[in-house]
Amino acid sequence: MKADQVDKALTQKFITEEERLVFWNDPSGEFARYIKDGLPSDLSDVTVLDENQKGGLAAKLLLEREDSAGKYLIYSTGDLTPPDEDWLLDIRLYSGKFSADVASLWLEELGLSSLYLSGHLKAREAFMGSQERRQKLKKLIEGGEDEAAIDLKMMTVLAGSSVASFFSIVRVVCHGHLKDGRLDLN
């Protein structure tokens, strides 16, 4: 997944804030594909270090001895290592931190400011996973929506209606089942 918001945020961390090391823990691995696809071109001097693959002691030696001037995005998935077992704890404490989740990016994309909706959108990941459907939904969102209003607008997009109302959705679905001028539900 390539996300413009993530690109901008990482660029700010490394270029604007001049961080040398940035830790990103992605517990569920939502952005593993993003990492695999590579960082944006303006961050070509930043090396991605997969903490899970490199190992704590090897990573510590690399960051403090072998390449103490290089820029690194230290990415990990899963749970954070407990502090008493974390070889990188001292480095983690003085370095930059970054986090992102897909639901927050969707909220921002739709122009919604209510953070409590992120779980609601995450539960509708099958719908939200389509860029085309998100763009259609964005046109219907007016801001200040609650869960029920968002669900109605998602149904509107799925039904292909232009108006977000229960009646319009039912009308479009029924028109889709017309056969010879009669409703055919078979």
N, C-alpha and C. Protein backbone atom coordinates (compact mmCIF):
# COMPACT_ATOMS: atom_id res chain seq x y z
N MET A 1 0.86 -1.17 0.00
CA MET A 1 0.00 0.00 0.00
C MET A 1 0.90 1.23 0.00
N LYS A 2 0.68 2.10 -0.95
CA LYS A 2 1.43 3.35 -1.04
C LYS A 2 0.49 4.46 -0.61
N ALA A 3 0.78 5.14 0.46
CA ALA A 3 -0.11 6.18 0.98
C ALA A 3 0.60 7.52 0.99
N ASP A 4 -0.01 8.51 0.32
CA ASP A 4 0.58 9.84 0.25
C ASP A 4 0.75 10.46 1.64
N GLN A 5 -0.22 10.20 2.53
CA GLN A 5 -0.14 10.77 3.88
C GLN A 5 1.07 10.22 4.63
N VAL A 6 1.36 8.94 4.45
CA VAL A 6 2.52 8.33 5.11
C VAL A 6 3.80 8.91 4.53
N ASP A 7 3.84 9.06 3.21
CA ASP A 7 5.01 9.66 2.56
C ASP A 7 5.29 11.05 3.15
N LYS A 8 4.25 11.86 3.25
CA LYS A 8 4.41 13.22 3.77
C LYS A 8 4.88 13.21 5.22
N ALA A 9 4.29 12.33 6.03
CA ALA A 9 4.65 12.27 7.44
C ALA A 9 6.10 11.81 7.63
N LEU A 10 6.52 10.81 6.87
CA LEU A 10 7.90 10.34 6.98
C LEU A 10 8.88 11.39 6.46
N THR A 11 8.51 12.08 5.40
CA THR A 11 9.35 13.16 4.88
C THR A 11 9.51 14.26 5.94
N GLN A 12 8.44 14.57 6.63
CA GLN A 12 8.53 15.57 7.70
C GLN A 12 9.47 15.11 8.81
N LYS A 13 9.36 13.84 9.19
CA LYS A 13 10.22 13.30 10.25
C LYS A 13 11.69 13.39 9.88
N PHE A 14 12.02 12.92 8.68
CA PHE A 14 13.43 12.82 8.30
C PHE A 14 14.01 14.14 7.77
N ILE A 15 13.23 14.91 7.04
CA ILE A 15 13.77 16.12 6.41
C ILE A 15 13.50 17.36 7.26
N THR A 16 12.23 17.60 7.59
CA THR A 16 11.89 18.81 8.34
C THR A 16 12.41 18.74 9.78
N GLU A 17 12.13 17.63 10.45
CA GLU A 17 12.55 17.48 11.85
C GLU A 17 13.98 16.97 11.98
N GLU A 18 14.60 16.61 10.87
CA GLU A 18 15.99 16.16 10.80
C GLU A 18 16.30 14.99 11.74
N GLU A 19 15.40 14.05 11.81
CA GLU A 19 15.63 12.85 12.62
C GLU A 19 16.57 11.92 11.85
N ARG A 20 17.48 11.29 12.55
CA ARG A 20 18.37 10.30 11.93
C ARG A 20 17.77 8.91 12.02
N LEU A 21 17.14 8.63 13.15
CA LEU A 21 16.53 7.32 13.38
C LEU A 21 15.07 7.51 13.74
N VAL A 22 14.20 6.77 13.08
CA VAL A 22 12.77 6.83 13.36
C VAL A 22 12.27 5.40 13.54
N PHE A 23 11.63 5.15 14.67
CA PHE A 23 11.06 3.84 14.97
C PHE A 23 9.59 3.83 14.59
N TRP A 24 9.19 2.77 13.88
CA TRP A 24 7.79 2.60 13.48
C TRP A 24 7.37 1.18 13.83
N ASN A 25 6.51 1.05 14.82
CA ASN A 25 5.95 -0.24 15.17
C ASN A 25 4.56 -0.33 14.56
N ASP A 26 4.36 -1.31 13.72
CA ASP A 26 3.10 -1.55 13.02
C ASP A 26 2.57 -2.90 13.52
N PRO A 27 1.83 -2.90 14.65
CA PRO A 27 1.45 -4.16 15.31
C PRO A 27 0.80 -5.19 14.40
N SER A 28 -0.12 -4.77 13.55
CA SER A 28 -0.83 -5.74 12.71
C SER A 28 -0.23 -5.89 11.32
N GLY A 29 0.84 -5.17 11.04
CA GLY A 29 1.50 -5.29 9.74
C GLY A 29 0.71 -4.69 8.59
N GLU A 30 -0.14 -3.69 8.89
CA GLU A 30 -0.97 -3.06 7.85
C GLU A 30 -0.13 -2.41 6.76
N PHE A 31 1.07 -1.97 7.11
CA PHE A 31 1.89 -1.22 6.16
C PHE A 31 3.10 -2.01 5.68
N ALA A 32 3.09 -3.32 5.86
CA ALA A 32 4.21 -4.15 5.41
C ALA A 32 4.38 -4.02 3.89
N ARG A 33 3.27 -3.96 3.16
CA ARG A 33 3.33 -3.81 1.71
C ARG A 33 3.92 -2.44 1.33
N TYR A 34 3.54 -1.41 2.08
CA TYR A 34 4.08 -0.07 1.86
C TYR A 34 5.61 -0.09 2.01
N ILE A 35 6.07 -0.73 3.06
CA ILE A 35 7.51 -0.81 3.32
C ILE A 35 8.20 -1.60 2.20
N LYS A 36 7.58 -2.70 1.78
CA LYS A 36 8.15 -3.52 0.72
C LYS A 36 8.25 -2.75 -0.60
N ASP A 37 7.25 -1.89 -0.88
CA ASP A 37 7.25 -1.10 -2.11
C ASP A 37 8.33 -0.02 -2.13
N GLY A 38 8.83 0.35 -0.96
CA GLY A 38 9.91 1.33 -0.87
C GLY A 38 9.44 2.72 -0.49
N LEU A 39 10.35 3.48 0.08
CA LEU A 39 10.06 4.84 0.52
C LEU A 39 10.05 5.79 -0.68
N PRO A 40 9.46 6.98 -0.51
CA PRO A 40 9.44 7.94 -1.63
C PRO A 40 10.86 8.37 -2.02
N SER A 41 10.99 8.88 -3.24
CA SER A 41 12.32 9.21 -3.79
C SER A 41 13.06 10.28 -2.99
N ASP A 42 12.32 11.19 -2.33
CA ASP A 42 13.02 12.22 -1.55
C ASP A 42 13.61 11.65 -0.26
N LEU A 43 13.33 10.40 0.03
CA LEU A 43 13.92 9.73 1.19
C LEU A 43 14.87 8.61 0.75
N SER A 44 15.53 8.83 -0.39
CA SER A 44 16.42 7.79 -0.93
C SER A 44 17.62 7.52 -0.03
N ASP A 45 17.96 8.47 0.83
CA ASP A 45 19.10 8.27 1.73
C ASP A 45 18.70 7.56 3.03
N VAL A 46 17.43 7.19 3.16
CA VAL A 46 16.95 6.51 4.36
C VAL A 46 16.89 5.01 4.08
N THR A 47 17.49 4.24 4.98
CA THR A 47 17.48 2.78 4.87
C THR A 47 16.41 2.22 5.79
N VAL A 48 15.63 1.29 5.27
CA VAL A 48 14.63 0.62 6.10
C VAL A 48 15.29 -0.58 6.76
N LEU A 49 15.19 -0.63 8.07
CA LEU A 49 15.76 -1.72 8.85
C LEU A 49 14.61 -2.47 9.51
N ASP A 50 14.40 -3.71 9.11
CA ASP A 50 13.34 -4.54 9.69
C ASP A 50 13.87 -5.13 10.98
N GLU A 51 13.39 -4.60 12.08
CA GLU A 51 13.87 -5.01 13.40
C GLU A 51 13.62 -6.50 13.65
N ASN A 52 12.52 -7.03 13.13
CA ASN A 52 12.21 -8.45 13.33
C ASN A 52 13.20 -9.36 12.61
N GLN A 53 13.70 -8.93 11.47
CA GLN A 53 14.64 -9.76 10.70
C GLN A 53 16.09 -9.58 11.15
N LYS A 54 16.46 -8.38 11.50
CA LYS A 54 17.85 -8.08 11.84
C LYS A 54 18.22 -8.59 13.23
N GLY A 55 17.31 -8.44 14.17
CA GLY A 55 17.64 -8.84 15.54
C GLY A 55 18.14 -7.65 16.33
N GLY A 56 17.87 -7.64 17.62
CA GLY A 56 18.17 -6.50 18.47
C GLY A 56 19.64 -6.14 18.58
N LEU A 57 20.49 -7.10 18.92
CA LEU A 57 21.91 -6.81 19.11
C LEU A 57 22.57 -6.41 17.79
N ALA A 58 22.26 -7.13 16.71
CA ALA A 58 22.84 -6.79 15.40
C ALA A 58 22.40 -5.39 14.96
N ALA A 59 21.15 -5.05 15.21
CA ALA A 59 20.65 -3.72 14.86
C ALA A 59 21.35 -2.64 15.69
N LYS A 60 21.54 -2.90 16.96
CA LYS A 60 22.21 -1.94 17.84
C LYS A 60 23.65 -1.68 17.37
N LEU A 61 24.37 -2.73 17.04
CA LEU A 61 25.74 -2.58 16.56
C LEU A 61 25.78 -1.80 15.23
N LEU A 62 24.83 -2.09 14.36
CA LEU A 62 24.77 -1.37 13.08
C LEU A 62 24.53 0.12 13.31
N LEU A 63 23.53 0.45 14.13
CA LEU A 63 23.13 1.85 14.32
C LEU A 63 24.14 2.66 15.12
N GLU A 64 24.85 2.03 16.05
CA GLU A 64 25.77 2.79 16.91
C GLU A 64 27.24 2.68 16.51
N ARG A 65 27.64 1.60 15.81
CA ARG A 65 29.05 1.44 15.49
C ARG A 65 29.34 1.43 14.00
N GLU A 66 28.63 0.57 13.26
CA GLU A 66 28.95 0.39 11.85
C GLU A 66 28.52 1.58 10.99
N ASP A 67 27.37 2.17 11.29
CA ASP A 67 26.86 3.30 10.49
C ASP A 67 26.19 4.30 11.44
N SER A 68 26.99 5.00 12.19
CA SER A 68 26.46 5.92 13.21
C SER A 68 26.00 7.26 12.63
N ALA A 69 26.08 7.44 11.32
CA ALA A 69 25.63 8.69 10.71
C ALA A 69 24.47 8.48 9.74
N GLY A 70 24.19 7.25 9.36
CA GLY A 70 23.14 6.97 8.37
C GLY A 70 21.74 7.17 8.93
N LYS A 71 20.82 7.44 8.01
CA LYS A 71 19.41 7.61 8.40
C LYS A 71 18.71 6.26 8.25
N TYR A 72 17.92 5.90 9.27
CA TYR A 72 17.24 4.62 9.28
C TYR A 72 15.80 4.75 9.74
N LEU A 73 14.93 4.02 9.05
CA LEU A 73 13.56 3.81 9.50
C LEU A 73 13.56 2.39 10.06
N ILE A 74 13.45 2.28 11.38
CA ILE A 74 13.47 0.98 12.03
C ILE A 74 12.03 0.52 12.16
N TYR A 75 11.64 -0.40 11.28
CA TYR A 75 10.26 -0.86 11.16
C TYR A 75 10.11 -2.23 11.82
N SER A 76 9.01 -2.40 12.56
CA SER A 76 8.74 -3.71 13.15
C SER A 76 7.24 -3.97 13.17
N THR A 77 6.90 -5.24 13.12
CA THR A 77 5.50 -5.64 13.23
C THR A 77 5.35 -6.45 14.51
N GLY A 78 4.12 -6.66 14.92
CA GLY A 78 3.87 -7.43 16.14
C GLY A 78 3.98 -6.55 17.38
N ASP A 79 3.98 -7.21 18.51
CA ASP A 79 4.05 -6.49 19.78
C ASP A 79 5.45 -5.93 20.00
N LEU A 80 5.51 -4.82 20.72
CA LEU A 80 6.80 -4.25 21.09
C LEU A 80 7.53 -5.18 22.04
N THR A 81 8.83 -5.21 21.92
CA THR A 81 9.65 -6.00 22.83
C THR A 81 9.56 -5.40 24.22
N PRO A 82 9.38 -6.22 25.25
CA PRO A 82 9.35 -5.68 26.62
C PRO A 82 10.65 -4.92 26.92
N PRO A 83 10.55 -3.83 27.66
CA PRO A 83 11.74 -2.99 27.91
C PRO A 83 12.95 -3.74 28.47
N ASP A 84 12.71 -4.71 29.33
CA ASP A 84 13.85 -5.43 29.91
C ASP A 84 14.50 -6.42 28.93
N GLU A 85 13.92 -6.61 27.75
CA GLU A 85 14.49 -7.48 26.73
C GLU A 85 14.85 -6.72 25.45
N ASP A 86 14.64 -5.41 25.45
CA ASP A 86 14.81 -4.59 24.25
C ASP A 86 16.25 -4.07 24.13
N TRP A 87 17.00 -4.62 23.18
CA TRP A 87 18.37 -4.18 22.95
C TRP A 87 18.43 -2.74 22.45
N LEU A 88 17.35 -2.27 21.86
CA LEU A 88 17.34 -0.93 21.27
C LEU A 88 16.65 0.11 22.14
N LEU A 89 16.36 -0.22 23.39
CA LEU A 89 15.59 0.69 24.24
C LEU A 89 16.25 2.06 24.37
N ASP A 90 17.54 2.13 24.63
CA ASP A 90 18.20 3.43 24.78
C ASP A 90 18.12 4.25 23.49
N ILE A 91 18.29 3.59 22.36
CA ILE A 91 18.20 4.28 21.07
C ILE A 91 16.76 4.72 20.82
N ARG A 92 15.82 3.85 21.15
CA ARG A 92 14.39 4.13 20.96
C ARG A 92 13.98 5.38 21.75
N LEU A 93 14.56 5.57 22.92
CA LEU A 93 14.18 6.69 23.79
C LEU A 93 14.62 8.05 23.24
N TYR A 94 15.74 8.11 22.51
CA TYR A 94 16.18 9.40 21.99
C TYR A 94 15.87 9.60 20.51
N SER A 95 15.27 8.62 19.88
CA SER A 95 14.98 8.70 18.45
C SER A 95 13.54 9.14 18.19
N GLY A 96 13.26 9.42 16.94
CA GLY A 96 11.92 9.79 16.54
C GLY A 96 11.00 8.58 16.51
N LYS A 97 9.72 8.83 16.66
CA LYS A 97 8.73 7.77 16.63
C LYS A 97 7.67 8.11 15.58
N PHE A 98 7.17 7.08 14.93
CA PHE A 98 6.16 7.26 13.91
C PHE A 98 5.13 6.15 14.05
N SER A 99 3.88 6.50 13.81
CA SER A 99 2.84 5.46 13.79
C SER A 99 1.76 5.88 12.80
N ALA A 100 1.11 4.89 12.25
CA ALA A 100 0.01 5.14 11.32
C ALA A 100 -0.87 3.91 11.31
N ASP A 101 -2.12 4.13 11.04
CA ASP A 101 -3.02 3.00 10.82
C ASP A 101 -3.95 3.36 9.68
N VAL A 102 -4.40 2.35 8.98
CA VAL A 102 -5.19 2.54 7.78
C VAL A 102 -6.48 3.30 8.06
N ALA A 103 -7.15 2.98 9.18
CA ALA A 103 -8.43 3.62 9.50
C ALA A 103 -8.25 5.14 9.68
N SER A 104 -7.16 5.56 10.29
CA SER A 104 -6.91 7.00 10.46
C SER A 104 -6.69 7.68 9.11
N LEU A 105 -6.01 6.98 8.20
CA LEU A 105 -5.81 7.53 6.86
C LEU A 105 -7.13 7.64 6.12
N TRP A 106 -8.00 6.66 6.30
CA TRP A 106 -9.33 6.73 5.67
C TRP A 106 -10.13 7.89 6.22
N LEU A 107 -10.07 8.10 7.55
CA LEU A 107 -10.78 9.24 8.16
C LEU A 107 -10.33 10.54 7.53
N GLU A 108 -9.02 10.70 7.41
CA GLU A 108 -8.46 11.92 6.83
C GLU A 108 -8.89 12.07 5.38
N GLU A 109 -8.84 10.98 4.62
CA GLU A 109 -9.21 11.02 3.21
C GLU A 109 -10.67 11.42 3.02
N LEU A 110 -11.55 10.95 3.92
CA LEU A 110 -12.98 11.26 3.82
C LEU A 110 -13.34 12.62 4.42
N GLY A 111 -12.38 13.26 5.09
CA GLY A 111 -12.64 14.56 5.69
C GLY A 111 -13.41 14.46 6.99
N LEU A 112 -13.30 13.32 7.66
CA LEU A 112 -13.98 13.13 8.94
C LEU A 112 -13.00 13.40 10.07
N SER A 113 -13.45 14.10 11.09
CA SER A 113 -12.55 14.45 12.18
C SER A 113 -12.81 13.65 13.46
N SER A 114 -13.87 12.86 13.48
CA SER A 114 -14.23 12.11 14.68
C SER A 114 -13.42 10.82 14.76
N LEU A 115 -12.46 10.79 15.67
CA LEU A 115 -11.57 9.63 15.79
C LEU A 115 -12.31 8.36 16.21
N TYR A 116 -13.45 8.51 16.89
CA TYR A 116 -14.19 7.32 17.32
C TYR A 116 -14.70 6.53 16.12
N LEU A 117 -14.71 7.12 14.94
CA LEU A 117 -15.18 6.43 13.73
C LEU A 117 -14.12 5.50 13.13
N SER A 118 -12.88 5.58 13.59
CA SER A 118 -11.83 4.76 12.98
C SER A 118 -12.12 3.27 13.16
N GLY A 119 -12.60 2.86 14.31
CA GLY A 119 -12.96 1.45 14.52
C GLY A 119 -14.12 1.04 13.64
N HIS A 120 -15.05 1.94 13.44
CA HIS A 120 -16.21 1.68 12.59
C HIS A 120 -15.76 1.46 11.14
N LEU A 121 -14.85 2.30 10.66
CA LEU A 121 -14.34 2.14 9.30
C LEU A 121 -13.48 0.89 9.18
N LYS A 122 -12.70 0.60 10.20
CA LYS A 122 -11.85 -0.59 10.19
C LYS A 122 -12.70 -1.85 10.09
N ALA A 123 -13.86 -1.86 10.74
CA ALA A 123 -14.76 -3.01 10.67
C ALA A 123 -15.38 -3.16 9.28
N ARG A 124 -15.32 -2.13 8.46
CA ARG A 124 -15.84 -2.17 7.10
C ARG A 124 -14.71 -2.14 6.08
N GLU A 125 -13.64 -2.85 6.43
CA GLU A 125 -12.43 -2.86 5.62
C GLU A 125 -12.67 -3.38 4.20
N ALA A 126 -13.60 -4.32 4.03
CA ALA A 126 -13.88 -4.85 2.70
C ALA A 126 -14.39 -3.74 1.78
N PHE A 127 -15.23 -2.85 2.30
CA PHE A 127 -15.73 -1.72 1.51
C PHE A 127 -14.63 -0.68 1.34
N MET A 128 -13.97 -0.32 2.44
CA MET A 128 -13.00 0.76 2.42
C MET A 128 -11.72 0.42 1.66
N GLY A 129 -11.49 -0.86 1.40
CA GLY A 129 -10.29 -1.27 0.68
C GLY A 129 -10.26 -0.85 -0.78
N SER A 130 -11.40 -0.45 -1.31
CA SER A 130 -11.48 -0.03 -2.71
C SER A 130 -11.36 1.48 -2.83
N GLN A 131 -10.36 1.93 -3.56
CA GLN A 131 -10.15 3.36 -3.79
C GLN A 131 -11.35 3.98 -4.49
N GLU A 132 -11.91 3.25 -5.46
CA GLU A 132 -13.06 3.76 -6.22
C GLU A 132 -14.26 3.98 -5.30
N ARG A 133 -14.53 3.01 -4.43
CA ARG A 133 -15.67 3.17 -3.51
C ARG A 133 -15.42 4.30 -2.52
N ARG A 134 -14.17 4.44 -2.04
CA ARG A 134 -13.87 5.54 -1.11
C ARG A 134 -14.09 6.90 -1.77
N GLN A 135 -13.72 7.02 -3.05
CA GLN A 135 -13.92 8.29 -3.76
C GLN A 135 -15.40 8.61 -3.91
N LYS A 136 -16.21 7.60 -4.22
CA LYS A 136 -17.66 7.82 -4.32
C LYS A 136 -18.25 8.18 -2.97
N LEU A 137 -17.79 7.51 -1.92
CA LEU A 137 -18.27 7.80 -0.57
C LEU A 137 -17.88 9.22 -0.15
N LYS A 138 -16.69 9.62 -0.50
CA LYS A 138 -16.21 10.97 -0.15
C LYS A 138 -17.12 12.06 -0.73
N LYS A 139 -17.65 11.83 -1.91
CA LYS A 139 -18.56 12.79 -2.53
C LYS A 139 -19.87 12.92 -1.76
N LEU A 140 -20.26 11.85 -1.06
CA LEU A 140 -21.52 11.87 -0.31
C LEU A 140 -21.36 12.37 1.12
N ILE A 141 -20.15 12.29 1.67
CA ILE A 141 -19.89 12.69 3.06
C ILE A 141 -19.95 14.21 3.17
N GLU A 142 -20.67 14.66 4.18
CA GLU A 142 -20.81 16.10 4.41
C GLU A 142 -20.08 16.56 5.65
N GLY A 143 -19.55 15.65 6.43
CA GLY A 143 -18.87 15.99 7.68
C GLY A 143 -19.83 15.89 8.84
N GLY A 144 -19.33 15.53 10.00
CA GLY A 144 -20.17 15.40 11.18
C GLY A 144 -21.09 14.18 11.13
N GLU A 145 -20.76 13.21 10.27
CA GLU A 145 -21.59 12.02 10.12
C GLU A 145 -21.40 11.08 11.31
N ASP A 146 -22.45 10.33 11.64
CA ASP A 146 -22.32 9.29 12.65
C ASP A 146 -22.25 7.94 11.93
N GLU A 147 -22.14 6.86 12.70
CA GLU A 147 -21.98 5.53 12.11
C GLU A 147 -23.14 5.16 11.18
N ALA A 148 -24.37 5.43 11.61
CA ALA A 148 -25.54 5.07 10.80
C ALA A 148 -25.55 5.83 9.47
N ALA A 149 -25.22 7.11 9.51
CA ALA A 149 -25.20 7.91 8.28
C ALA A 149 -24.11 7.42 7.32
N ILE A 150 -22.96 7.05 7.87
CA ILE A 150 -21.87 6.54 7.03
C ILE A 150 -22.28 5.21 6.40
N ASP A 151 -22.91 4.33 7.19
CA ASP A 151 -23.36 3.05 6.65
C ASP A 151 -24.40 3.24 5.55
N LEU A 152 -25.32 4.18 5.73
CA LEU A 152 -26.32 4.46 4.71
C LEU A 152 -25.64 4.94 3.43
N LYS A 153 -24.62 5.76 3.56
CA LYS A 153 -23.92 6.27 2.39
C LYS A 153 -23.07 5.18 1.73
N MET A 154 -22.57 4.24 2.52
CA MET A 154 -21.86 3.10 1.93
C MET A 154 -22.83 2.23 1.13
N MET A 155 -24.04 2.02 1.67
CA MET A 155 -25.06 1.26 0.93
C MET A 155 -25.46 2.00 -0.34
N THR A 156 -25.50 3.31 -0.28
CA THR A 156 -25.82 4.12 -1.45
C THR A 156 -24.79 3.87 -2.55
N VAL A 157 -23.52 3.86 -2.17
CA VAL A 157 -22.45 3.61 -3.14
C VAL A 157 -22.58 2.20 -3.72
N LEU A 158 -22.81 1.22 -2.86
CA LEU A 158 -22.91 -0.17 -3.32
C LEU A 158 -24.10 -0.38 -4.25
N ALA A 159 -25.22 0.28 -3.95
CA ALA A 159 -26.42 0.13 -4.77
C ALA A 159 -26.31 0.91 -6.08
N GLY A 160 -25.45 1.92 -6.09
CA GLY A 160 -25.30 2.74 -7.29
C GLY A 160 -26.31 3.87 -7.35
N SER A 161 -26.84 4.23 -6.20
CA SER A 161 -27.81 5.33 -6.13
C SER A 161 -27.06 6.65 -6.07
N SER A 162 -27.75 7.71 -6.42
CA SER A 162 -27.12 9.03 -6.36
C SER A 162 -27.57 9.80 -5.12
N VAL A 163 -28.59 9.27 -4.43
CA VAL A 163 -29.14 9.94 -3.25
C VAL A 163 -29.04 8.99 -2.05
N ALA A 164 -28.53 9.50 -0.95
CA ALA A 164 -28.36 8.68 0.24
C ALA A 164 -29.63 8.65 1.08
N SER A 165 -30.56 7.82 0.67
CA SER A 165 -31.77 7.61 1.46
C SER A 165 -32.19 6.15 1.30
N PHE A 166 -32.86 5.63 2.31
CA PHE A 166 -33.29 4.25 2.27
C PHE A 166 -34.19 3.99 1.06
N PHE A 167 -35.13 4.90 0.81
CA PHE A 167 -36.05 4.74 -0.32
C PHE A 167 -35.29 4.66 -1.65
N SER A 168 -34.31 5.52 -1.83
CA SER A 168 -33.54 5.53 -3.09
C SER A 168 -32.76 4.24 -3.27
N ILE A 169 -32.23 3.72 -2.19
CA ILE A 169 -31.48 2.47 -2.27
C ILE A 169 -32.41 1.32 -2.67
N VAL A 170 -33.57 1.24 -2.01
CA VAL A 170 -34.54 0.19 -2.33
C VAL A 170 -35.01 0.32 -3.77
N ARG A 171 -35.26 1.54 -4.22
CA ARG A 171 -35.71 1.78 -5.59
C ARG A 171 -34.67 1.30 -6.60
N VAL A 172 -33.41 1.62 -6.38
CA VAL A 172 -32.34 1.23 -7.30
C VAL A 172 -32.20 -0.30 -7.32
N VAL A 173 -32.27 -0.93 -6.15
CA VAL A 173 -32.17 -2.39 -6.08
C VAL A 173 -33.35 -3.04 -6.80
N CYS A 174 -34.55 -2.52 -6.59
CA CYS A 174 -35.74 -3.08 -7.25
C CYS A 174 -35.67 -2.88 -8.76
N HIS A 175 -35.22 -1.73 -9.21
CA HIS A 175 -35.09 -1.48 -10.66
C HIS A 175 -34.06 -2.43 -11.28
N GLY A 176 -33.10 -2.84 -10.50
CA GLY A 176 -32.11 -3.79 -11.00
C GLY A 176 -32.68 -5.18 -11.20
N HIS A 177 -33.83 -5.45 -10.61
CA HIS A 177 -34.47 -6.76 -10.72
C HIS A 177 -35.72 -6.74 -11.61
N LEU A 178 -35.89 -5.69 -12.39
CA LEU A 178 -37.02 -5.63 -13.31
C LEU A 178 -36.75 -6.52 -14.52
N LYS A 179 -37.77 -7.27 -14.88
CA LYS A 179 -37.68 -8.11 -16.07
C LYS A 179 -39.02 -8.03 -16.78
N ASP A 180 -39.00 -7.49 -17.97
CA ASP A 180 -40.23 -7.28 -18.75
C ASP A 180 -41.22 -6.40 -17.98
N GLY A 181 -40.71 -5.39 -17.28
CA GLY A 181 -41.57 -4.46 -16.58
C GLY A 181 -42.11 -4.99 -15.26
N ARG A 182 -41.66 -6.16 -14.84
CA ARG A 182 -42.14 -6.74 -13.58
C ARG A 182 -40.95 -7.04 -12.68
N LEU A 183 -41.18 -7.00 -11.40
CA LEU A 183 -40.15 -7.29 -10.41
C LEU A 183 -39.91 -8.79 -10.37
N ASP A 184 -38.68 -9.20 -10.64
CA ASP A 184 -38.31 -10.62 -10.65
C ASP A 184 -37.20 -10.84 -9.64
N LEU A 185 -37.53 -11.41 -8.52
CA LEU A 185 -36.53 -11.62 -7.46
C LEU A 185 -35.81 -12.95 -7.59
N ASN A 186 -36.10 -13.68 -8.65
CA ASN A 186 -35.40 -14.94 -8.86
C ASN A 186 -34.06 -14.67 -9.50
